[in-house]
């Protein structure tokens, strides 16, 4: 981090300010009719690292992202064309999806509200550049999982353009592996995005297939 630039600490929600919401079960089936909009929440909140052909890099926060295919493994990100990182992805056809954690929440928000035109986000946030194995864009060292992507198609949908990409490589931090080599993302305290707020995942409610398991 640069000497004269101090990182602000976010204030946590105090116990006194929390209010338990009491659900009126008689209203569960009473639905309000709203205009069309994006209401699929929560969604992943990731930091996407990119670089242009000259090697200048940047980090952009993305919530419109996810898995689209298992074989071949593919993912997508949707980005507004006016974003600084957009031209880098268009130029190189590469990017890295970096999963985020509770510790990275400040950086996650900052990379979404500050432009790479004005600040070197890696330097300002004190994040570590790591070399990827298949793409030129750097990985974020502090991220528990880095997913290298190569663009196969760009769909110009409207406010956002969707980059469909094949996954070229995945890197998982050994810090979150148990003695048997199983990776536990929950140890990293991942965060998601919901209605303008960053949220953690407190507990597991079940594992895949538990509803039919004997």
Protein backbone atom coordinates (compact mmCIF):
# COMPACT_ATOMS: atom_id res chain seq x y z
CA UNK A 1 0.00 0.00 0.00
CA UNK A 2 1.30 3.48 -0.78
CA UNK A 3 2.59 5.51 2.17
CA UNK A 4 0.07 8.35 2.09
CA UNK A 5 -2.95 6.22 1.31
CA UNK A 6 -4.54 4.62 4.33
CA UNK A 7 -7.12 1.90 3.95
CA UNK A 8 -10.38 2.68 5.69
CA UNK A 9 -11.77 0.14 8.10
CA UNK A 10 -15.42 -0.70 7.73
CA UNK A 11 -17.56 -0.53 10.84
CA UNK A 12 -19.24 -3.77 11.83
CA UNK A 13 -22.90 -3.98 12.73
CA UNK A 14 -23.29 -3.87 16.50
CA UNK A 15 -25.53 -6.24 18.41
CA UNK A 16 -27.67 -3.28 19.46
CA UNK A 17 -28.41 -2.35 15.85
CA UNK A 18 -29.52 -5.82 14.85
CA UNK A 19 -33.23 -6.48 14.64
CA UNK A 20 -34.67 -9.94 14.29
CA UNK A 21 -37.29 -9.93 11.56
CA UNK A 22 -40.48 -11.70 12.60
CA UNK A 23 -42.15 -13.43 9.65
CA UNK A 24 -45.91 -13.15 9.46
CA UNK A 25 -46.69 -16.60 8.09
CA UNK A 26 -50.18 -15.55 7.07
CA UNK A 27 -48.61 -13.32 4.39
CA UNK A 28 -46.28 -15.90 2.82
CA UNK A 29 -48.63 -16.60 -0.07
CA UNK A 30 -49.55 -12.94 -0.59
CA UNK A 31 -47.21 -11.73 -3.35
CA UNK A 32 -46.67 -8.21 -4.70
CA UNK A 33 -46.42 -7.89 -8.49
CA UNK A 34 -43.25 -5.97 -9.42
CA UNK A 35 -41.83 -4.90 -12.78
CA UNK A 36 -39.20 -7.20 -14.39
CA UNK A 37 -35.83 -7.07 -12.69
CA UNK A 38 -32.91 -9.13 -11.42
CA UNK A 39 -34.03 -10.87 -8.24
CA UNK A 40 -31.86 -13.97 -8.31
CA UNK A 41 -29.97 -13.53 -5.04
CA UNK A 42 -27.57 -14.20 -3.45
CA UNK A 43 -24.96 -14.38 -6.18
CA UNK A 44 -21.19 -14.88 -6.14
CA UNK A 45 -19.10 -11.77 -5.51
CA UNK A 46 -15.73 -12.16 -7.20
CA UNK A 47 -12.75 -10.06 -8.17
CA UNK A 48 -11.78 -10.49 -11.81
CA UNK A 49 -8.19 -9.72 -12.69
CA UNK A 50 -7.32 -8.69 -16.25
CA UNK A 51 -4.43 -7.28 -18.27
CA UNK A 52 -4.10 -5.57 -21.63
CA UNK A 53 -1.63 -6.47 -24.36
CA UNK A 54 1.04 -4.18 -22.88
CA UNK A 55 0.84 -5.93 -19.48
CA UNK A 56 -1.07 -3.18 -17.64
CA UNK A 57 -3.42 -4.95 -15.25
CA UNK A 58 -6.54 -4.19 -13.25
CA UNK A 59 -9.12 -5.75 -10.94
CA UNK A 60 -12.87 -5.43 -11.40
CA UNK A 61 -15.58 -6.59 -9.03
CA UNK A 62 -18.22 -8.77 -10.68
CA UNK A 63 -21.44 -10.20 -9.27
CA UNK A 64 -22.96 -11.33 -12.57
CA UNK A 65 -20.91 -14.52 -12.86
CA UNK A 66 -21.33 -18.25 -12.59
CA UNK A 67 -20.99 -21.74 -14.01
CA UNK A 68 -22.50 -22.48 -17.42
CA UNK A 69 -21.14 -25.89 -18.40
CA UNK A 70 -19.44 -28.90 -16.79
CA UNK A 71 -17.83 -30.51 -19.82
CA UNK A 72 -16.01 -28.57 -21.10
CA UNK A 73 -15.76 -26.56 -17.89
CA UNK A 74 -17.04 -23.07 -18.64
CA UNK A 75 -17.94 -19.92 -16.73
CA UNK A 76 -19.15 -16.45 -17.58
CA UNK A 77 -18.87 -12.87 -16.44
CA UNK A 78 -21.08 -9.97 -17.53
CA UNK A 79 -19.43 -6.54 -17.74
CA UNK A 80 -20.68 -3.09 -18.74
CA UNK A 81 -18.82 -1.88 -21.87
CA UNK A 82 -17.97 1.43 -20.18
CA UNK A 83 -15.95 -0.30 -17.45
CA UNK A 84 -12.19 0.19 -17.70
CA UNK A 85 -11.52 -3.57 -17.68
CA UNK A 86 -13.86 -4.24 -20.58
CA UNK A 87 -11.40 -3.28 -23.32
CA UNK A 88 -8.69 -5.43 -21.71
CA UNK A 89 -10.89 -8.53 -21.87
CA UNK A 90 -11.86 -7.71 -25.45
CA UNK A 91 -8.20 -7.24 -26.44
CA UNK A 92 -6.78 -10.39 -24.89
CA UNK A 93 -9.75 -12.72 -24.50
CA UNK A 94 -8.48 -13.68 -21.04
CA UNK A 95 -9.29 -13.07 -17.39
CA UNK A 96 -9.02 -14.69 -13.97
CA UNK A 97 -11.96 -15.15 -11.59
CA UNK A 98 -10.70 -14.80 -8.00
CA UNK A 99 -13.05 -16.03 -5.27
CA UNK A 100 -13.39 -13.72 -2.27
CA UNK A 101 -13.48 -14.03 1.50
CA UNK A 102 -14.47 -12.08 4.59
CA UNK A 103 -10.92 -10.71 4.77
CA UNK A 104 -11.14 -9.50 1.18
CA UNK A 105 -14.49 -7.71 1.53
CA UNK A 106 -12.97 -4.21 1.66
CA UNK A 107 -10.93 -4.90 -1.47
CA UNK A 108 -13.97 -6.48 -3.12
CA UNK A 109 -16.02 -3.33 -2.66
CA UNK A 110 -13.17 -0.97 -3.55
CA UNK A 111 -12.51 -2.72 -6.85
CA UNK A 112 -16.14 -2.20 -7.75
CA UNK A 113 -16.36 1.52 -7.03
CA UNK A 114 -12.92 2.79 -8.09
CA UNK A 115 -11.69 2.78 -11.68
CA UNK A 116 -8.37 1.35 -12.78
CA UNK A 117 -7.99 4.52 -14.86
CA UNK A 118 -7.24 6.38 -11.63
CA UNK A 119 -5.54 3.91 -9.29
CA UNK A 120 -3.38 0.80 -9.35
CA UNK A 121 -5.65 -1.43 -7.28
CA UNK A 122 -3.06 -4.12 -6.61
CA UNK A 123 -0.68 -1.55 -5.12
CA UNK A 124 -3.27 0.51 -3.25
CA UNK A 125 -4.91 -2.52 -1.64
CA UNK A 126 -1.65 -4.33 -0.95
CA UNK A 127 -2.74 -7.36 -2.98
CA UNK A 128 -0.24 -9.89 -4.32
CA UNK A 129 0.16 -10.46 -8.05
CA UNK A 130 0.73 -14.12 -8.87
CA UNK A 131 1.55 -15.47 -12.31
CA UNK A 132 -1.17 -17.57 -13.88
CA UNK A 133 -0.22 -20.74 -15.73
CA UNK A 134 -2.30 -20.41 -18.90
CA UNK A 135 -3.27 -16.74 -19.28
CA UNK A 136 -1.36 -13.46 -19.10
CA UNK A 137 -3.66 -11.82 -16.55
CA UNK A 138 -2.34 -12.05 -12.98
CA UNK A 139 -4.02 -13.97 -10.18
CA UNK A 140 -4.74 -12.44 -6.76
CA UNK A 141 -2.54 -14.25 -4.26
CA UNK A 142 -4.86 -13.68 -1.29
CA UNK A 143 -7.80 -15.36 -3.05
CA UNK A 144 -8.47 -18.99 -1.99
CA UNK A 145 -9.36 -20.04 -5.55
CA UNK A 146 -8.19 -18.58 -8.86
CA UNK A 147 -9.90 -19.65 -12.09
CA UNK A 148 -8.09 -18.92 -15.34
CA UNK A 149 -10.47 -18.26 -18.23
CA UNK A 150 -10.25 -17.89 -22.01
CA UNK A 151 -13.12 -16.16 -23.79
CA UNK A 152 -14.94 -18.16 -26.45
CA UNK A 153 -17.77 -15.76 -27.18
CA UNK A 154 -19.05 -12.30 -26.23
CA UNK A 155 -22.80 -11.75 -26.20
CA UNK A 156 -23.83 -8.09 -26.42
CA UNK A 157 -27.05 -8.33 -24.43
CA UNK A 158 -27.80 -4.74 -23.39
CA UNK A 159 -26.44 -2.94 -20.34
CA UNK A 160 -23.96 -5.81 -19.91
CA UNK A 161 -21.97 -7.90 -22.36
CA UNK A 162 -21.57 -11.53 -21.37
CA UNK A 163 -18.16 -13.15 -21.83
CA UNK A 164 -18.49 -16.92 -22.15
CA UNK A 165 -15.20 -18.60 -21.33
CA UNK A 166 -13.59 -22.00 -21.06
CA UNK A 167 -11.74 -22.64 -17.82
CA UNK A 168 -8.07 -23.19 -18.61
CA UNK A 169 -6.81 -23.88 -15.08
CA UNK A 170 -7.84 -23.73 -11.42
CA UNK A 171 -5.60 -22.91 -8.46
CA UNK A 172 -6.66 -23.75 -4.88
CA UNK A 173 -4.82 -22.58 -1.77
CA UNK A 174 -3.30 -25.34 0.35
CA UNK A 175 -4.20 -23.31 3.45
CA UNK A 176 -7.75 -24.62 3.18
CA UNK A 177 -6.97 -28.31 2.65
CA UNK A 178 -7.29 -30.91 5.39
CA UNK A 179 -4.85 -33.72 6.15
CA UNK A 180 -6.52 -35.90 3.49
CA UNK A 181 -6.10 -33.28 0.81
CA UNK A 182 -9.78 -32.29 0.68
CA UNK A 183 -10.37 -28.64 -0.08
CA UNK A 184 -12.66 -26.72 2.31
CA UNK A 185 -13.71 -23.37 0.87
CA UNK A 186 -15.82 -22.75 3.98
CA UNK A 187 -12.60 -22.37 6.01
CA UNK A 188 -11.86 -19.24 3.96
CA UNK A 189 -15.20 -17.67 4.97
CA UNK A 190 -16.47 -16.90 1.44
CA UNK A 191 -18.85 -14.01 0.81
CA UNK A 192 -21.76 -13.47 -1.56
CA UNK A 193 -23.69 -10.43 -2.77
CA UNK A 194 -27.38 -9.88 -2.07
CA UNK A 195 -29.45 -6.75 -2.72
CA UNK A 196 -26.52 -4.36 -2.36
CA UNK A 197 -24.94 -6.11 0.64
CA UNK A 198 -21.99 -8.46 1.08
CA UNK A 199 -22.94 -11.49 3.17
CA UNK A 200 -21.09 -14.43 4.64
CA UNK A 201 -22.24 -18.05 4.71
CA UNK A 202 -22.79 -19.04 8.31
CA UNK A 203 -23.50 -22.76 8.13
CA UNK A 204 -24.17 -25.70 5.88
CA UNK A 205 -27.82 -26.78 5.72
CA UNK A 206 -27.17 -30.04 3.91
CA UNK A 207 -24.94 -31.70 1.32
CA UNK A 208 -25.76 -32.61 -2.25
CA UNK A 209 -28.23 -35.51 -2.33
CA UNK A 210 -29.04 -35.45 1.40
CA UNK A 211 -32.80 -35.23 0.68
CA UNK A 212 -32.86 -38.74 -0.80
CA UNK A 213 -30.03 -40.32 1.15
CA UNK A 214 -31.02 -43.39 3.17
